[in-house]
Amino acid sequence: MSTQSEALRLADALDAEFVQGRISNSTGRESAVELRRLHEVNQDLLKALNTILNISLYKYRDWETDRK
C-alpha cells in the first residue's frame, strides 16, 4: 500500500495525462500544481495543529499536577 496522499496521487495522474496529450495545459498541469500546493498547505496546518495540541497537553498535564 502506498503512503502517498490522495492529492499527490491525483496530481501525478494529471501530470501523466498531460504528458500523454490527453488533457490541456490549463486543465491538467495547473490542476496538478494546485493540488500539490494545497497538499503543502495542509501539511503545514497539520504541523501547526500538532504543535498547539502538544503545548496544550503539556500545560494541562502541569496544571493537573499542581492541583494534587
Protein backbone atom coordinates (compact mmCIF):
# COMPACT_ATOMS: atom_id res chain seq x y z
CA MET A 1 0.00 0.00 0.00
CA SER A 2 1.30 3.45 -0.90
CA THR A 3 1.93 6.11 1.71
CA GLN A 4 1.42 8.86 -0.89
CA SER A 5 -1.52 11.15 -0.20
CA GLU A 6 -4.53 11.11 -2.48
CA ALA A 7 -3.86 14.71 -3.54
CA LEU A 8 -0.32 13.86 -4.66
CA ARG A 9 -1.51 10.69 -6.40
CA LEU A 10 -4.10 12.69 -8.33
CA ALA A 11 -1.54 15.36 -9.20
CA ASP A 12 0.76 12.66 -10.61
CA ALA A 13 -2.14 11.19 -12.59
CA LEU A 14 -2.95 14.62 -14.04
CA ASP A 15 0.69 15.12 -14.99
CA ALA A 16 0.71 11.75 -16.76
CA GLU A 17 -2.46 12.64 -18.67
CA PHE A 18 -0.90 15.97 -19.67
CA VAL A 19 2.34 14.33 -20.85
CA GLN A 20 0.34 11.88 -22.97
CA GLY A 21 -1.60 14.78 -24.51
CA ARG A 22 -4.98 13.69 -23.17
CA ILE A 23 -5.65 16.94 -21.33
CA SER A 24 -4.62 20.52 -21.97
CA ASN A 25 -2.16 22.62 -20.02
CA SER A 26 -4.86 24.77 -18.45
CA THR A 27 -6.90 21.84 -17.14
CA GLY A 28 -4.24 19.32 -16.23
CA ARG A 29 -0.96 20.95 -15.40
CA GLU A 30 -2.45 23.84 -13.43
CA SER A 31 -4.70 21.45 -11.51
CA ALA A 32 -1.73 19.25 -10.61
CA VAL A 33 0.24 22.27 -9.41
CA GLU A 34 -2.69 23.45 -7.30
CA LEU A 35 -3.18 20.01 -5.74
CA ARG A 36 0.49 19.94 -4.73
CA ARG A 37 0.27 23.47 -3.32
CA LEU A 38 -2.81 22.61 -1.28
CA HIS A 39 -1.15 19.44 -0.04
CA GLU A 40 1.76 21.53 1.28
CA VAL A 41 -0.64 23.97 2.96
CA ASN A 42 -2.45 21.03 4.56
CA GLN A 43 0.84 19.60 5.85
CA ASP A 44 1.77 22.98 7.36
CA LEU A 45 -1.63 23.25 9.05
CA LEU A 46 -1.34 19.74 10.48
CA LYS A 47 2.11 20.54 11.88
CA ALA A 48 0.76 23.72 13.48
CA LEU A 49 -2.19 21.85 14.96
CA ASN A 50 0.09 19.17 16.40
CA THR A 51 2.28 21.86 17.93
CA ILE A 52 -0.73 23.54 19.53
CA LEU A 53 -2.05 20.24 20.85
CA ASN A 54 1.34 19.26 22.26
CA ILE A 55 1.67 22.63 24.03
CA SER A 56 -1.88 22.36 25.37
CA LEU A 57 -1.36 18.82 26.62
CA TYR A 58 1.91 19.81 28.27
CA LYS A 59 0.30 22.78 30.03
CA TYR A 60 -2.74 20.74 31.04
CA ARG A 61 -0.54 18.00 32.45
CA ASP A 62 1.32 20.55 34.60
CA TRP A 63 -1.97 22.06 35.73
CA GLU A 64 -3.29 18.68 36.83
CA THR A 65 -0.06 18.01 38.77
CA ASP A 66 -0.31 21.39 40.54
CA ARG A 67 -3.89 20.68 41.68
CA LYS A 68 -2.96 17.48 43.56
